[in-house]
Amino acid sequence: MSESHQFTCSICGEPSGTICVYCTKDACSNHLCEHCGRCSDCCECHLLHEAAGFGETAQ
């Protein structure tokens, strides 16, 4: 009999089955970056995007 372990997201408390590759805390899919695999607390992708000018609105 196979048993599925369910954990709790350390950020929002929702059920989670994955962990952050950096800090190894449980993180649900809403708080895990698809690009780097880090949770939203550890992810630095948004810093790279901001430095490159992604997401800026034209004025």
N, C-alpha and C. Protein backbone atom coordinates (compact mmCIF):
# COMPACT_ATOMS: atom_id res chain seq x y z
N MET A 1 0.84 -1.18 0.00
CA MET A 1 0.00 0.00 0.00
C MET A 1 0.89 1.25 0.00
N SER A 2 0.67 2.10 -0.96
CA SER A 2 1.44 3.32 -1.09
C SER A 2 0.77 4.46 -0.32
N GLU A 3 1.57 5.18 0.45
CA GLU A 3 1.03 6.26 1.26
C GLU A 3 1.61 7.59 0.80
N SER A 4 0.77 8.57 0.55
CA SER A 4 1.21 9.88 0.11
C SER A 4 1.33 10.81 1.31
N HIS A 5 2.52 11.34 1.53
CA HIS A 5 2.73 12.25 2.65
C HIS A 5 2.34 13.65 2.23
N GLN A 6 1.56 14.30 3.06
CA GLN A 6 1.13 15.67 2.79
C GLN A 6 1.76 16.58 3.84
N PHE A 7 2.40 17.62 3.37
CA PHE A 7 3.04 18.58 4.26
C PHE A 7 2.28 19.89 4.19
N THR A 8 2.71 20.87 4.95
CA THR A 8 2.06 22.17 4.99
C THR A 8 3.03 23.23 4.52
N CYS A 9 2.60 24.08 3.60
CA CYS A 9 3.42 25.18 3.09
C CYS A 9 3.83 26.08 4.25
N SER A 10 5.12 26.36 4.36
CA SER A 10 5.62 27.19 5.45
C SER A 10 5.25 28.66 5.28
N ILE A 11 4.75 29.04 4.12
CA ILE A 11 4.39 30.43 3.85
C ILE A 11 2.91 30.70 4.07
N CYS A 12 2.05 29.82 3.52
CA CYS A 12 0.61 30.10 3.59
C CYS A 12 -0.19 29.06 4.37
N GLY A 13 0.41 27.91 4.68
CA GLY A 13 -0.30 26.89 5.44
C GLY A 13 -1.13 25.93 4.60
N GLU A 14 -1.11 26.09 3.28
CA GLU A 14 -1.85 25.19 2.39
C GLU A 14 -1.12 23.86 2.29
N PRO A 15 -1.82 22.80 1.88
CA PRO A 15 -1.15 21.50 1.68
C PRO A 15 -0.03 21.62 0.66
N SER A 16 1.05 20.90 0.90
CA SER A 16 2.23 20.99 0.05
C SER A 16 2.85 19.62 -0.14
N GLY A 17 3.43 19.41 -1.29
CA GLY A 17 4.13 18.16 -1.56
C GLY A 17 5.55 18.41 -2.06
N THR A 18 6.00 19.66 -2.02
CA THR A 18 7.32 20.02 -2.53
C THR A 18 8.07 20.86 -1.50
N ILE A 19 9.39 20.94 -1.70
CA ILE A 19 10.21 21.76 -0.82
C ILE A 19 11.06 22.72 -1.64
N CYS A 20 11.48 23.79 -1.01
CA CYS A 20 12.38 24.76 -1.62
C CYS A 20 13.76 24.10 -1.77
N VAL A 21 14.38 24.24 -2.94
CA VAL A 21 15.68 23.64 -3.17
C VAL A 21 16.79 24.37 -2.41
N TYR A 22 16.51 25.56 -1.91
CA TYR A 22 17.51 26.35 -1.20
C TYR A 22 17.43 26.17 0.31
N CYS A 23 16.26 26.45 0.89
CA CYS A 23 16.13 26.38 2.36
C CYS A 23 15.50 25.08 2.83
N THR A 24 14.97 24.29 1.92
CA THR A 24 14.32 22.99 2.16
C THR A 24 13.05 23.06 3.02
N LYS A 25 12.44 24.25 3.12
CA LYS A 25 11.14 24.36 3.79
C LYS A 25 10.06 23.90 2.83
N ASP A 26 8.96 23.38 3.37
CA ASP A 26 7.83 22.98 2.55
C ASP A 26 7.24 24.20 1.86
N ALA A 27 6.89 24.06 0.58
CA ALA A 27 6.31 25.16 -0.18
C ALA A 27 5.29 24.61 -1.17
N CYS A 28 4.11 25.22 -1.21
CA CYS A 28 3.08 24.81 -2.17
C CYS A 28 3.43 25.36 -3.56
N SER A 29 2.71 24.94 -4.56
CA SER A 29 3.01 25.37 -5.93
C SER A 29 2.82 26.87 -6.12
N ASN A 30 1.98 27.51 -5.29
CA ASN A 30 1.80 28.96 -5.39
C ASN A 30 3.01 29.73 -4.90
N HIS A 31 3.84 29.11 -4.07
CA HIS A 31 4.99 29.80 -3.49
C HIS A 31 6.32 29.18 -3.89
N LEU A 32 6.33 28.45 -4.99
CA LEU A 32 7.56 27.83 -5.48
C LEU A 32 7.82 28.33 -6.90
N CYS A 33 8.97 28.93 -7.12
CA CYS A 33 9.32 29.48 -8.43
C CYS A 33 9.53 28.34 -9.43
N GLU A 34 8.86 28.43 -10.56
CA GLU A 34 9.00 27.41 -11.60
C GLU A 34 10.38 27.46 -12.25
N HIS A 35 11.01 28.63 -12.20
CA HIS A 35 12.30 28.80 -12.85
C HIS A 35 13.45 28.23 -12.03
N CYS A 36 13.55 28.59 -10.75
CA CYS A 36 14.71 28.21 -9.94
C CYS A 36 14.40 27.14 -8.88
N GLY A 37 13.13 26.90 -8.58
CA GLY A 37 12.77 25.88 -7.59
C GLY A 37 12.84 26.35 -6.15
N ARG A 38 13.06 27.65 -5.96
CA ARG A 38 13.11 28.21 -4.61
C ARG A 38 11.74 28.73 -4.21
N CYS A 39 11.50 28.79 -2.89
CA CYS A 39 10.25 29.36 -2.40
C CYS A 39 10.28 30.87 -2.58
N SER A 40 9.14 31.52 -2.43
CA SER A 40 9.07 32.96 -2.65
C SER A 40 9.90 33.75 -1.64
N ASP A 41 10.22 33.15 -0.50
CA ASP A 41 11.10 33.82 0.47
C ASP A 41 12.55 33.81 0.00
N CYS A 42 12.96 32.79 -0.72
CA CYS A 42 14.36 32.63 -1.13
C CYS A 42 14.65 33.03 -2.57
N CYS A 43 13.62 33.03 -3.42
CA CYS A 43 13.80 33.28 -4.85
C CYS A 43 14.38 34.67 -5.10
N GLU A 44 15.40 34.71 -5.95
CA GLU A 44 16.00 35.97 -6.35
C GLU A 44 15.73 36.28 -7.82
N CYS A 45 14.89 35.50 -8.46
CA CYS A 45 14.58 35.72 -9.87
C CYS A 45 13.99 37.10 -10.11
N HIS A 46 13.11 37.56 -9.20
CA HIS A 46 12.50 38.87 -9.39
C HIS A 46 13.55 39.98 -9.34
N LEU A 47 14.62 39.78 -8.59
CA LEU A 47 15.70 40.78 -8.56
C LEU A 47 16.42 40.82 -9.89
N LEU A 48 16.63 39.66 -10.49
CA LEU A 48 17.28 39.61 -11.79
C LEU A 48 16.40 40.24 -12.86
N HIS A 49 15.10 39.99 -12.79
CA HIS A 49 14.17 40.56 -13.77
C HIS A 49 14.11 42.08 -13.63
N GLU A 50 14.10 42.58 -12.39
CA GLU A 50 14.06 44.02 -12.17
C GLU A 50 15.34 44.68 -12.70
N ALA A 51 16.48 44.05 -12.47
CA ALA A 51 17.77 44.60 -12.92
C ALA A 51 17.85 44.64 -14.44
N ALA A 52 17.20 43.68 -15.10
CA ALA A 52 17.22 43.62 -16.56
C ALA A 52 16.14 44.49 -17.18
N GLY A 53 15.24 45.05 -16.36
CA GLY A 53 14.20 45.93 -16.88
C GLY A 53 12.92 45.22 -17.23
N PHE A 54 12.78 43.94 -16.92
CA PHE A 54 11.54 43.23 -17.19
C PHE A 54 10.45 43.72 -16.23
N GLY A 55 9.23 43.80 -16.72
CA GLY A 55 8.11 44.16 -15.89
C GLY A 55 7.94 45.65 -15.64
N GLU A 56 8.84 46.47 -16.21
CA GLU A 56 8.69 47.91 -16.05
C GLU A 56 7.65 48.43 -17.02
N THR A 57 6.88 49.41 -16.59
CA THR A 57 5.88 49.99 -17.45
C THR A 57 6.45 51.20 -18.16
N ALA A 58 6.09 51.36 -19.39
CA ALA A 58 6.57 52.53 -20.16
C ALA A 58 5.85 53.78 -19.72
N GLN A 59 6.59 54.88 -19.64
CA GLN A 59 5.99 56.12 -19.22
C GLN A 59 6.03 57.15 -20.32
